[in-house]
Amino acid sequence: AQQQQQQAQQQQQQTQSVAAAVAAVTALAESKSQPKRLHVSNIPFRFRDPDLRSMFGQFGTILDVEIIFNERGSKGFGFVTFANSSEAERARERLHGTVVEGRKIE
C-alpha cells in the first residue's frame, strides 16, 4: 500500500511538473506575441512618422509610430510599436547604432 501511495505521489509530481512546463512555454510564447514599444533617439529632425515607419517596417508589423514635436518642430526622438516583441528586438538589434543622415540611431 505504501508503494502504491509513493507511485501516486510521483505521478502527481510529474503531472504538476508537466503542467508547470506547459504554462512556462505558453507564457513565453505569449510574451513573444505581445506588442512592444521601442523608444528611438537621434531621429533626423526632418523625419516624419512615415519615414520612421518605413525604416522600421522591414522588421515586422508596426502598430503605431510617433515622433515627438514641440512648438519648434521635431525633438529628434519618438516611438515605434511593433505587433510582437521578437520583431521589435530584431529591429533594435539591426538599427541600434546605425547612422542616418549623420545621426546615430539609438
PDB file of N, CA and C in Angstrom:
ATOM      1  N   ALA A   1       0.834  -1.202   0.000  1.00  0.00           N
ATOM      2  CA  ALA A   1       0.000   0.000   0.000  1.00  0.00           C
ATOM      3  C   ALA A   1       0.872   1.256   0.000  1.00  0.00           C
ATOM      4  N   GLN A   2       1.975   1.192   0.755  1.00  0.00           N
ATOM      5  CA  GLN A   2       2.880   2.335   0.818  1.00  0.00           C
ATOM      6  C   GLN A   2       3.524   2.594  -0.543  1.00  0.00           C
ATOM      7  N   GLN A   3       3.856   1.502  -1.245  1.00  0.00           N
ATOM      8  CA  GLN A   3       4.474   1.636  -2.562  1.00  0.00           C
ATOM      9  C   GLN A   3       3.493   2.297  -3.542  1.00  0.00           C
ATOM     10  N   GLN A   4       2.212   1.888  -3.471  1.00  0.00           N
ATOM     11  CA  GLN A   4       1.198   2.495  -4.342  1.00  0.00           C
ATOM     12  C   GLN A   4       1.047   3.982  -4.040  1.00  0.00           C
ATOM     13  N   GLN A   5       1.100   4.323  -2.760  1.00  0.00           N
ATOM     14  CA  GLN A   5       0.979   5.722  -2.360  1.00  0.00           C
ATOM     15  C   GLN A   5       2.163   6.536  -2.900  1.00  0.00           C
ATOM     16  N   GLN A   6       3.381   5.958  -2.836  1.00  0.00           N
ATOM     17  CA  GLN A   6       4.565   6.635  -3.372  1.00  0.00           C
ATOM     18  C   GLN A   6       4.454   6.817  -4.889  1.00  0.00           C
ATOM     19  N   GLN A   7       3.963   5.762  -5.567  1.00  0.00           N
ATOM     20  CA  GLN A   7       3.791   5.862  -7.022  1.00  0.00           C
ATOM     21  C   GLN A   7       2.769   6.947  -7.363  1.00  0.00           C
ATOM     22  N   ALA A   8       1.686   7.004  -6.602  1.00  0.00           N
ATOM     23  CA  ALA A   8       0.656   8.012  -6.837  1.00  0.00           C
ATOM     24  C   ALA A   8       1.230   9.421  -6.636  1.00  0.00           C
ATOM     25  N   GLN A   9       2.068   9.584  -5.598  1.00  0.00           N
ATOM     26  CA  GLN A   9       2.691  10.880  -5.348  1.00  0.00           C
ATOM     27  C   GLN A   9       3.652  11.256  -6.475  1.00  0.00           C
ATOM     28  N   GLN A  10       4.422  10.282  -6.974  1.00  0.00           N
ATOM     29  CA  GLN A  10       5.343  10.540  -8.072  1.00  0.00           C
ATOM     30  C   GLN A  10       4.581  10.957  -9.330  1.00  0.00           C
ATOM     31  N   GLN A  11       3.471  10.253  -9.599  1.00  0.00           N
ATOM     32  CA  GLN A  11       2.667  10.602 -10.775  1.00  0.00           C
ATOM     33  C   GLN A  11       2.112  12.018 -10.636  1.00  0.00           C
ATOM     34  N   GLN A  12       1.655  12.350  -9.439  1.00  0.00           N
ATOM     35  CA  GLN A  12       1.102  13.686  -9.206  1.00  0.00           C
ATOM     36  C   GLN A  12       2.187  14.749  -9.409  1.00  0.00           C
ATOM     37  N   GLN A  13       3.402  14.491  -8.905  1.00  0.00           N
ATOM     38  CA  GLN A  13       4.511  15.434  -9.073  1.00  0.00           C
ATOM     39  C   GLN A  13       4.883  15.588 -10.550  1.00  0.00           C
ATOM     40  N   GLN A  14       4.897  14.467 -11.284  1.00  0.00           N
ATOM     41  CA  GLN A  14       5.203  14.534 -12.716  1.00  0.00           C
ATOM     42  C   GLN A  14       4.144  15.345 -13.450  1.00  0.00           C
ATOM     43  N   THR A  15       2.881  15.123 -13.103  1.00  0.00           N
ATOM     44  CA  THR A  15       1.784  15.864 -13.734  1.00  0.00           C
ATOM     45  C   THR A  15       1.930  17.351 -13.445  1.00  0.00           C
ATOM     46  N   GLN A  16       2.279  17.696 -12.195  1.00  0.00           N
ATOM     47  CA  GLN A  16       2.465  19.103 -11.846  1.00  0.00           C
ATOM     48  C   GLN A  16       3.656  19.696 -12.597  1.00  0.00           C
ATOM     49  N   SER A  17       4.737  18.933 -12.750  1.00  0.00           N
ATOM     50  CA  SER A  17       5.906  19.410 -13.479  1.00  0.00           C
ATOM     51  C   SER A  17       5.571  19.657 -14.945  1.00  0.00           C
ATOM     52  N   VAL A  18       4.833  18.736 -15.544  1.00  0.00           N
ATOM     53  CA  VAL A  18       4.424  18.896 -16.947  1.00  0.00           C
ATOM     54  C   VAL A  18       3.530  20.125 -17.082  1.00  0.00           C
ATOM     55  N   ALA A  19       2.592  20.287 -16.158  1.00  0.00           N
ATOM     56  CA  ALA A  19       1.690  21.443 -16.197  1.00  0.00           C
ATOM     57  C   ALA A  19       2.480  22.745 -16.061  1.00  0.00           C
ATOM     58  N   ALA A  20       3.468  22.743 -15.171  1.00  0.00           N
ATOM     59  CA  ALA A  20       4.293  23.944 -14.987  1.00  0.00           C
ATOM     60  C   ALA A  20       5.099  24.245 -16.251  1.00  0.00           C
ATOM     61  N   ALA A  21       5.638  23.205 -16.878  1.00  0.00           N
ATOM     62  CA  ALA A  21       6.410  23.391 -18.111  1.00  0.00           C
ATOM     63  C   ALA A  21       5.534  23.940 -19.232  1.00  0.00           C
ATOM     64  N   VAL A  22       4.331  23.391 -19.362  1.00  0.00           N
ATOM     65  CA  VAL A  22       3.393  23.873 -20.384  1.00  0.00           C
ATOM     66  C   VAL A  22       3.040  25.338 -20.116  1.00  0.00           C
ATOM     67  N   ALA A  23       2.807  25.681 -18.868  1.00  0.00           N
ATOM     68  CA  ALA A  23       2.477  27.064 -18.508  1.00  0.00           C
ATOM     69  C   ALA A  23       3.639  27.998 -18.846  1.00  0.00           C
ATOM     70  N   ALA A  24       4.864  27.556 -18.573  1.00  0.00           N
ATOM     71  CA  ALA A  24       6.038  28.386 -18.853  1.00  0.00           C
ATOM     72  C   ALA A  24       6.209  28.612 -20.357  1.00  0.00           C
ATOM     73  N   VAL A  25       6.042  27.562 -21.141  1.00  0.00           N
ATOM     74  CA  VAL A  25       6.172  27.681 -22.599  1.00  0.00           C
ATOM     75  C   VAL A  25       5.073  28.584 -23.150  1.00  0.00           C
ATOM     76  N   THR A  26       3.865  28.429 -22.640  1.00  0.00           N
ATOM     77  CA  THR A  26       2.742  29.267 -23.078  1.00  0.00           C
ATOM     78  C   THR A  26       3.017  30.733 -22.748  1.00  0.00           C
ATOM     79  N   ALA A  27       3.495  30.997 -21.543  1.00  0.00           N
ATOM     80  CA  ALA A  27       3.808  32.376 -21.143  1.00  0.00           C
ATOM     81  C   ALA A  27       4.896  32.960 -22.036  1.00  0.00           C
ATOM     82  N   LEU A  28       5.911  32.163 -22.355  1.00  0.00           N
ATOM     83  CA  LEU A  28       6.991  32.621 -23.216  1.00  0.00           C
ATOM     84  C   LEU A  28       6.460  32.940 -24.613  1.00  0.00           C
ATOM     85  N   ALA A  29       5.633  32.057 -25.155  1.00  0.00           N
ATOM     86  CA  ALA A  29       5.056  32.272 -26.484  1.00  0.00           C
ATOM     87  C   ALA A  29       4.189  33.530 -26.493  1.00  0.00           C
ATOM     88  N   GLU A  30       3.412  33.723 -25.428  1.00  0.00           N
ATOM     89  CA  GLU A  30       2.555  34.911 -25.362  1.00  0.00           C
ATOM     90  C   GLU A  30       3.393  36.177 -25.246  1.00  0.00           C
ATOM     91  N   SER A  31       4.492  36.116 -24.497  1.00  0.00           N
ATOM     92  CA  SER A  31       5.322  37.313 -24.344  1.00  0.00           C
ATOM     93  C   SER A  31       5.945  37.690 -25.684  1.00  0.00           C
ATOM     94  N   LYS A  32       6.253  36.708 -26.527  1.00  0.00           N
ATOM     95  CA  LYS A  32       6.829  36.987 -27.841  1.00  0.00           C
ATOM     96  C   LYS A  32       5.800  37.659 -28.745  1.00  0.00           C
ATOM     97  N   SER A  33       4.515  37.380 -28.505  1.00  0.00           N
ATOM     98  CA  SER A  33       3.500  37.950 -29.385  1.00  0.00           C
ATOM     99  C   SER A  33       2.877  39.217 -28.784  1.00  0.00           C
ATOM    100  N   GLN A  34       3.393  39.657 -27.653  1.00  0.00           N
ATOM    101  CA  GLN A  34       2.908  40.894 -27.050  1.00  0.00           C
ATOM    102  C   GLN A  34       3.432  42.090 -27.846  1.00  0.00           C
ATOM    103  N   PRO A  35       2.610  43.125 -28.007  1.00  0.00           N
ATOM    104  CA  PRO A  35       3.135  44.341 -28.637  1.00  0.00           C
ATOM    105  C   PRO A  35       4.297  44.906 -27.822  1.00  0.00           C
ATOM    106  N   LYS A  36       5.236  45.543 -28.507  1.00  0.00           N
ATOM    107  CA  LYS A  36       6.395  46.124 -27.813  1.00  0.00           C
ATOM    108  C   LYS A  36       6.677  47.500 -28.385  1.00  0.00           C
ATOM    109  N   ARG A  37       6.843  48.482 -27.506  1.00  0.00           N
ATOM    110  CA  ARG A  37       7.084  49.863 -27.904  1.00  0.00           C
ATOM    111  C   ARG A  37       8.564  50.181 -27.724  1.00  0.00           C
ATOM    112  N   LEU A  38       9.206  50.573 -28.814  1.00  0.00           N
ATOM    113  CA  LEU A  38      10.614  50.957 -28.771  1.00  0.00           C
ATOM    114  C   LEU A  38      10.743  52.480 -28.704  1.00  0.00           C
ATOM    115  N   HIS A  39      11.646  52.947 -27.870  1.00  0.00           N
ATOM    116  CA  HIS A  39      11.997  54.368 -27.836  1.00  0.00           C
ATOM    117  C   HIS A  39      13.159  54.548 -28.821  1.00  0.00           C
ATOM    118  N   VAL A  40      13.038  55.498 -29.731  1.00  0.00           N
ATOM    119  CA  VAL A  40      14.062  55.710 -30.759  1.00  0.00           C
ATOM    120  C   VAL A  40      14.620  57.125 -30.599  1.00  0.00           C
ATOM    121  N   SER A  41      15.931  57.203 -30.345  1.00  0.00           N
ATOM    122  CA  SER A  41      16.597  58.502 -30.151  1.00  0.00           C
ATOM    123  C   SER A  41      17.425  58.881 -31.370  1.00  0.00           C
ATOM    124  N   ASN A  42      17.701  60.184 -31.487  1.00  0.00           N
ATOM    125  CA  ASN A  42      18.555  60.750 -32.549  1.00  0.00           C
ATOM    126  C   ASN A  42      17.973  60.581 -33.946  1.00  0.00           C
ATOM    127  N   ILE A  43      16.657  60.631 -34.042  1.00  0.00           N
ATOM    128  CA  ILE A  43      15.998  60.597 -35.356  1.00  0.00           C
ATOM    129  C   ILE A  43      16.338  61.909 -36.080  1.00  0.00           C
ATOM    130  N   PRO A  44      16.656  61.845 -37.375  1.00  0.00           N
ATOM    131  CA  PRO A  44      16.880  63.106 -38.112  1.00  0.00           C
ATOM    132  C   PRO A  44      15.684  64.053 -37.946  1.00  0.00           C
ATOM    133  N   PHE A  45      15.966  65.325 -37.735  1.00  0.00           N
ATOM    134  CA  PHE A  45      14.909  66.285 -37.430  1.00  0.00           C
ATOM    135  C   PHE A  45      13.883  66.427 -38.544  1.00  0.00           C
ATOM    136  N   ARG A  46      14.284  66.138 -39.787  1.00  0.00           N
ATOM    137  CA  ARG A  46      13.322  66.258 -40.895  1.00  0.00           C
ATOM    138  C   ARG A  46      12.381  65.059 -40.981  1.00  0.00           C
ATOM    139  N   PHE A  47      12.696  63.969 -40.261  1.00  0.00           N
ATOM    140  CA  PHE A  47      11.862  62.760 -40.311  1.00  0.00           C
ATOM    141  C   PHE A  47      10.445  63.038 -39.813  1.00  0.00           C
ATOM    142  N   ARG A  48       9.496  62.378 -40.470  1.00  0.00           N
ATOM    143  CA  ARG A  48       8.100  62.393 -40.042  1.00  0.00           C
ATOM    144  C   ARG A  48       7.690  60.930 -39.835  1.00  0.00           C
ATOM    145  N   ASP A  49       6.488  60.721 -39.308  1.00  0.00           N
ATOM    146  CA  ASP A  49       6.045  59.359 -38.976  1.00  0.00           C
ATOM    147  C   ASP A  49       6.236  58.357 -40.116  1.00  0.00           C
ATOM    148  N   PRO A  50       5.864  58.700 -41.368  1.00  0.00           N
ATOM    149  CA  PRO A  50       6.057  57.712 -42.456  1.00  0.00           C
ATOM    150  C   PRO A  50       7.526  57.320 -42.670  1.00  0.00           C
ATOM    151  N   ASP A  51       8.452  58.257 -42.440  1.00  0.00           N
ATOM    152  CA  ASP A  51       9.880  57.944 -42.581  1.00  0.00           C
ATOM    153  C   ASP A  51      10.303  56.901 -41.544  1.00  0.00           C
ATOM    154  N   LEU A  52       9.848  57.090 -40.316  1.00  0.00           N
ATOM    155  CA  LEU A  52      10.189  56.159 -39.237  1.00  0.00           C
ATOM    156  C   LEU A  52       9.540  54.803 -39.493  1.00  0.00           C
ATOM    157  N   ARG A  53       8.296  54.846 -39.983  1.00  0.00           N
ATOM    158  CA  ARG A  53       7.571  53.604 -40.286  1.00  0.00           C
ATOM    159  C   ARG A  53       8.293  52.810 -41.381  1.00  0.00           C
ATOM    160  N   SER A  54       8.776  53.483 -42.420  1.00  0.00           N
ATOM    161  CA  SER A  54       9.458  52.742 -43.497  1.00  0.00           C
ATOM    162  C   SER A  54      10.809  52.216 -43.027  1.00  0.00           C
ATOM    163  N   MET A  55      11.472  52.944 -42.138  1.00  0.00           N
ATOM    164  CA  MET A  55      12.767  52.498 -41.624  1.00  0.00           C
ATOM    165  C   MET A  55      12.620  51.237 -40.766  1.00  0.00           C
ATOM    166  N   PHE A  56      11.576  51.176 -39.943  1.00  0.00           N
ATOM    167  CA  PHE A  56      11.390  50.045 -39.035  1.00  0.00           C
ATOM    168  C   PHE A  56      10.472  48.958 -39.602  1.00  0.00           C
ATOM    169  N   GLY A  57       9.660  49.295 -40.591  1.00  0.00           N
ATOM    170  CA  GLY A  57       8.649  48.374 -41.106  1.00  0.00           C
ATOM    171  C   GLY A  57       9.185  47.104 -41.724  1.00  0.00           C
ATOM    172  N   GLN A  58      10.440  47.126 -42.181  1.00  0.00           N
ATOM    173  CA  GLN A  58      11.039  45.935 -42.789  1.00  0.00           C
ATOM    174  C   GLN A  58      11.222  44.808 -41.780  1.00  0.00           C
ATOM    175  N   PHE A  59      11.119  45.108 -40.479  1.00  0.00           N
ATOM    176  CA  PHE A  59      11.380  44.100 -39.452  1.00  0.00           C
ATOM    177  C   PHE A  59      10.112  43.448 -38.905  1.00  0.00           C
ATOM    178  N   GLY A  60       8.938  43.963 -39.287  1.00  0.00           N
ATOM    179  CA  GLY A  60       7.712  43.333 -38.810  1.00  0.00           C
ATOM    180  C   GLY A  60       6.519  44.265 -38.877  1.00  0.00           C
ATOM    181  N   THR A  61       5.441  43.816 -38.271  1.00  0.00           N
ATOM    182  CA  THR A  61       4.186  44.562 -38.286  1.00  0.00           C
ATOM    183  C   THR A  61       4.236  45.691 -37.260  1.00  0.00           C
ATOM    184  N   ILE A  62       4.035  46.900 -37.739  1.00  0.00           N
ATOM    185  CA  ILE A  62       4.056  48.072 -36.856  1.00  0.00           C
ATOM    186  C   ILE A  62       2.625  48.491 -36.555  1.00  0.00           C
ATOM    187  N   LEU A  63       2.340  48.663 -35.255  1.00  0.00           N
ATOM    188  CA  LEU A  63       1.008  49.087 -34.830  1.00  0.00           C
ATOM    189  C   LEU A  63       0.907  50.608 -34.740  1.00  0.00           C
ATOM    190  N   ASP A  64       2.018  51.261 -34.367  1.00  0.00           N
ATOM    191  CA  ASP A  64       1.969  52.704 -34.169  1.00  0.00           C
ATOM    192  C   ASP A  64       3.367  53.305 -34.303  1.00  0.00           C
ATOM    193  N   VAL A  65       3.411  54.528 -34.813  1.00  0.00           N
ATOM    194  CA  VAL A  65       4.657  55.293 -34.909  1.00  0.00           C
ATOM    195  C   VAL A  65       4.337  56.697 -34.422  1.00  0.00           C
ATOM    196  N   GLU A  66       5.228  57.248 -33.591  1.00  0.00           N
ATOM    197  CA  GLU A  66       5.010  58.605 -33.084  1.00  0.00           C
ATOM    198  C   GLU A  66       6.342  59.306 -32.914  1.00  0.00           C
ATOM    199  N   ILE A  67       6.512  60.435 -33.609  1.00  0.00           N
ATOM    200  CA  ILE A  67       7.668  61.293 -33.406  1.00  0.00           C
ATOM    201  C   ILE A  67       7.203  62.453 -32.528  1.00  0.00           C
ATOM    202  N   ILE A  68       8.007  62.789 -31.530  1.00  0.00           N
ATOM    203  CA  ILE A  68       7.619  63.822 -30.577  1.00  0.00           C
ATOM    204  C   ILE A  68       8.040  65.210 -31.098  1.00  0.00           C
ATOM    205  N   PHE A  69       7.084  66.135 -31.053  1.00  0.00           N
ATOM    206  CA  PHE A  69       7.291  67.503 -31.528  1.00  0.00           C
ATOM    207  C   PHE A  69       7.029  68.500 -30.409  1.00  0.00           C
ATOM    208  N   ASN A  70       7.681  69.653 -30.507  1.00  0.00           N
ATOM    209  CA  ASN A  70       7.286  70.800 -29.692  1.00  0.00           C
ATOM    210  C   ASN A  70       6.986  71.948 -30.648  1.00  0.00           C
ATOM    211  N   GLU A  71       6.849  73.170 -30.128  1.00  0.00           N
ATOM    212  CA  GLU A  71       6.473  74.291 -30.989  1.00  0.00           C
ATOM    213  C   GLU A  71       7.524  74.606 -32.057  1.00  0.00           C
ATOM    214  N   ARG A  72       8.769  74.156 -31.860  1.00  0.00           N
ATOM    215  CA  ARG A  72       9.830  74.430 -32.840  1.00  0.00           C
ATOM    216  C   ARG A  72      10.038  73.306 -33.836  1.00  0.00           C
ATOM    217  N   GLY A  73       9.338  72.200 -33.673  1.00  0.00           N
ATOM    218  CA  GLY A  73       9.482  71.082 -34.604  1.00  0.00           C
ATOM    219  C   GLY A  73       9.829  69.791 -33.888  1.00  0.00           C
ATOM    220  N   SER A  74      10.416  68.865 -34.622  1.00  0.00           N
ATOM    221  CA  SER A  74      10.766  67.552 -34.077  1.00  0.00           C
ATOM    222  C   SER A  74      11.777  67.687 -32.950  1.00  0.00           C
ATOM    223  N   LYS A  75      11.570  66.902 -31.900  1.00  0.00           N
ATOM    224  CA  LYS A  75      12.534  66.869 -30.795  1.00  0.00           C
ATOM    225  C   LYS A  75      13.624  65.816 -31.035  1.00  0.00           C
ATOM    226  N   GLY A  76      13.532  65.094 -32.168  1.00  0.00           N
ATOM    227  CA  GLY A  76      14.574  64.141 -32.522  1.00  0.00           C
ATOM    228  C   GLY A  76      14.452  62.776 -31.873  1.00  0.00           C
ATOM    229  N   PHE A  77      13.285  62.498 -31.287  1.00  0.00           N
ATOM    230  CA  PHE A  77      13.059  61.144 -30.770  1.00  0.00           C
ATOM    231  C   PHE A  77      11.600  60.776 -30.946  1.00  0.00           C
ATOM    232  N   GLY A  78      11.336  59.483 -30.823  1.00  0.00           N
ATOM    233  CA  GLY A  78       9.965  59.017 -30.992  1.00  0.00           C
ATOM    234  C   GLY A  78       9.829  57.582 -30.543  1.00  0.00           C
ATOM    235  N   PHE A  79       8.707  56.988 -30.930  1.00  0.00           N
ATOM    236  CA  PHE A  79       8.367  55.632 -30.515  1.00  0.00           C
ATOM    237  C   PHE A  79       7.845  54.836 -31.700  1.00  0.00           C
ATOM    238  N   VAL A  80       8.208  53.554 -31.731  1.00  0.00           N
ATOM    239  CA  VAL A  80       7.688  52.630 -32.741  1.00  0.00           C
ATOM    240  C   VAL A  80       7.129  51.435 -31.976  1.00  0.00           C
ATOM    241  N   THR A  81       5.844  51.136 -32.192  1.00  0.00           N
ATOM    242  CA  THR A  81       5.221  49.994 -31.520  1.00  0.00           C
ATOM    243  C   THR A  81       5.052  48.849 -32.507  1.00  0.00           C
ATOM    244  N   PHE A  82       5.701  47.729 -32.199  1.00  0.00           N
ATOM    245  CA  PHE A  82       5.602  46.519 -33.021  1.00  0.00           C
ATOM    246  C   PHE A  82       4.494  45.621 -32.495  1.00  0.00           C
ATOM    247  N   ALA A  83       3.919  44.823 -33.391  1.00  0.00           N
ATOM    248  CA  ALA A  83       2.869  43.882 -33.006  1.00  0.00           C
ATOM    249  C   ALA A  83       3.392  42.805 -32.070  1.00  0.00           C
ATOM    250  N   ASN A  84       4.669  42.432 -32.220  1.00  0.00           N
ATOM    251  CA  ASN A  84       5.215  41.458 -31.268  1.00  0.00           C
ATOM    252  C   ASN A  84       6.652  41.796 -30.903  1.00  0.00           C
ATOM    253  N   SER A  85       7.029  41.363 -29.710  1.00  0.00           N
ATOM    254  CA  SER A  85       8.312  41.776 -29.143  1.00  0.00           C
ATOM    255  C   SER A  85       9.510  41.185 -29.865  1.00  0.00           C
ATOM    256  N   SER A  86       9.369  40.003 -30.468  1.00  0.00           N
ATOM    257  CA  SER A  86      10.528  39.424 -31.159  1.00  0.00           C
ATOM    258  C   SER A  86      10.892  40.261 -32.386  1.00  0.00           C
ATOM    259  N   GLU A  87       9.886  40.783 -33.090  1.00  0.00           N
ATOM    260  CA  GLU A  87      10.161  41.670 -34.229  1.00  0.00           C
ATOM    261  C   GLU A  87      10.796  42.974 -33.748  1.00  0.00           C
ATOM    262  N   ALA A  88      10.304  43.498 -32.634  1.00  0.00           N
ATOM    263  CA  ALA A  88      10.858  44.737 -32.072  1.00  0.00           C
ATOM    264  C   ALA A  88      12.320  44.539 -31.693  1.00  0.00           C
ATOM    265  N   GLU A  89      12.626  43.407 -31.078  1.00  0.00           N
ATOM    266  CA  GLU A  89      14.012  43.134 -30.678  1.00  0.00           C
ATOM    267  C   GLU A  89      14.920  43.005 -31.897  1.00  0.00           C
ATOM    268  N   ARG A  90      14.415  42.371 -32.953  1.00  0.00           N
ATOM    269  CA  ARG A  90      15.209  42.229 -34.179  1.00  0.00           C
ATOM    270  C   ARG A  90      15.501  43.613 -34.778  1.00  0.00           C
ATOM    271  N   ALA A  91      14.495  44.470 -34.797  1.00  0.00           N
ATOM    272  CA  ALA A  91      14.689  45.828 -35.325  1.00  0.00           C
ATOM    273  C   ALA A  91      15.699  46.590 -34.477  1.00  0.00           C
ATOM    274  N   ARG A  92      15.577  46.477 -33.168  1.00  0.00           N
ATOM    275  CA  ARG A  92      16.505  47.170 -32.268  1.00  0.00           C
ATOM    276  C   ARG A  92      17.939  46.687 -32.502  1.00  0.00           C
ATOM    277  N   GLU A  93      18.110  45.363 -32.612  1.00  0.00           N
ATOM    278  CA  GLU A  93      19.447  44.803 -32.837  1.00  0.00           C
ATOM    279  C   GLU A  93      20.056  45.304 -34.150  1.00  0.00           C
ATOM    280  N   ARG A  94      19.231  45.377 -35.194  1.00  0.00           N
ATOM    281  CA  ARG A  94      19.742  45.754 -36.515  1.00  0.00           C
ATOM    282  C   ARG A  94      19.961  47.265 -36.662  1.00  0.00           C
ATOM    283  N   LEU A  95      19.108  48.079 -36.035  1.00  0.00           N
ATOM    284  CA  LEU A  95      19.162  49.518 -36.276  1.00  0.00           C
ATOM    285  C   LEU A  95      19.922  50.308 -35.220  1.00  0.00           C
ATOM    286  N   HIS A  96      20.064  49.751 -34.020  1.00  0.00           N
ATOM    287  CA  HIS A  96      20.755  50.477 -32.951  1.00  0.00           C
ATOM    288  C   HIS A  96      22.193  50.778 -33.379  1.00  0.00           C
ATOM    289  N   GLY A  97      22.537  52.045 -33.334  1.00  0.00           N
ATOM    290  CA  GLY A  97      23.898  52.432 -33.689  1.00  0.00           C
ATOM    291  C   GLY A  97      24.106  52.769 -35.152  1.00  0.00           C
ATOM    292  N   THR A  98      23.102  52.539 -35.996  1.00  0.00           N
ATOM    293  CA  THR A  98      23.267  52.903 -37.405  1.00  0.00           C
ATOM    294  C   THR A  98      23.186  54.422 -37.542  1.00  0.00           C
ATOM    295  N   VAL A  99      23.890  54.944 -38.518  1.00  0.00           N
ATOM    296  CA  VAL A  99      23.906  56.389 -38.730  1.00  0.00           C
ATOM    297  C   VAL A  99      22.959  56.736 -39.883  1.00  0.00           C
ATOM    298  N   VAL A 100      22.006  57.597 -39.605  1.00  0.00           N
ATOM    299  CA  VAL A 100      21.044  58.039 -40.619  1.00  0.00           C
ATOM    300  C   VAL A 100      21.139  59.562 -40.698  1.00  0.00           C
ATOM    301  N   GLU A 101      21.523  60.038 -41.887  1.00  0.00           N
ATOM    302  CA  GLU A 101      21.684  61.472 -42.132  1.00  0.00           C
ATOM    303  C   GLU A 101      22.543  62.108 -41.048  1.00  0.00           C
ATOM    304  N   GLY A 102      23.643  61.438 -40.717  1.00  0.00           N
ATOM    305  CA  GLY A 102      24.607  61.992 -39.768  1.00  0.00           C
ATOM    306  C   GLY A 102      24.227  61.844 -38.306  1.00  0.00           C
ATOM    307  N   ARG A 103      23.102  61.182 -38.013  1.00  0.00           N
ATOM    308  CA  ARG A 103      22.668  60.986 -36.625  1.00  0.00           C
ATOM    309  C   ARG A 103      22.664  59.487 -36.288  1.00  0.00           C
ATOM    310  N   LYS A 104      23.257  59.173 -35.148  1.00  0.00           N
ATOM    311  CA  LYS A 104      23.376  57.771 -34.709  1.00  0.00           C
ATOM    312  C   LYS A 104      22.100  57.340 -33.998  1.00  0.00           C
ATOM    313  N   ILE A 105      21.343  56.452 -34.656  1.00  0.00           N
ATOM    314  CA  ILE A 105      20.066  55.977 -34.124  1.00  0.00           C
ATOM    315  C   ILE A 105      20.311  55.102 -32.893  1.00  0.00           C
ATOM    316  N   GLU A 106      19.588  55.391 -31.816  1.00  0.00           N
ATOM    317  CA  GLU A 106      19.734  54.597 -30.590  1.00  0.00           C
ATOM    318  C   GLU A 106      18.365  54.194 -30.057  1.00  0.00           C
TER     319      GLU A 106
END
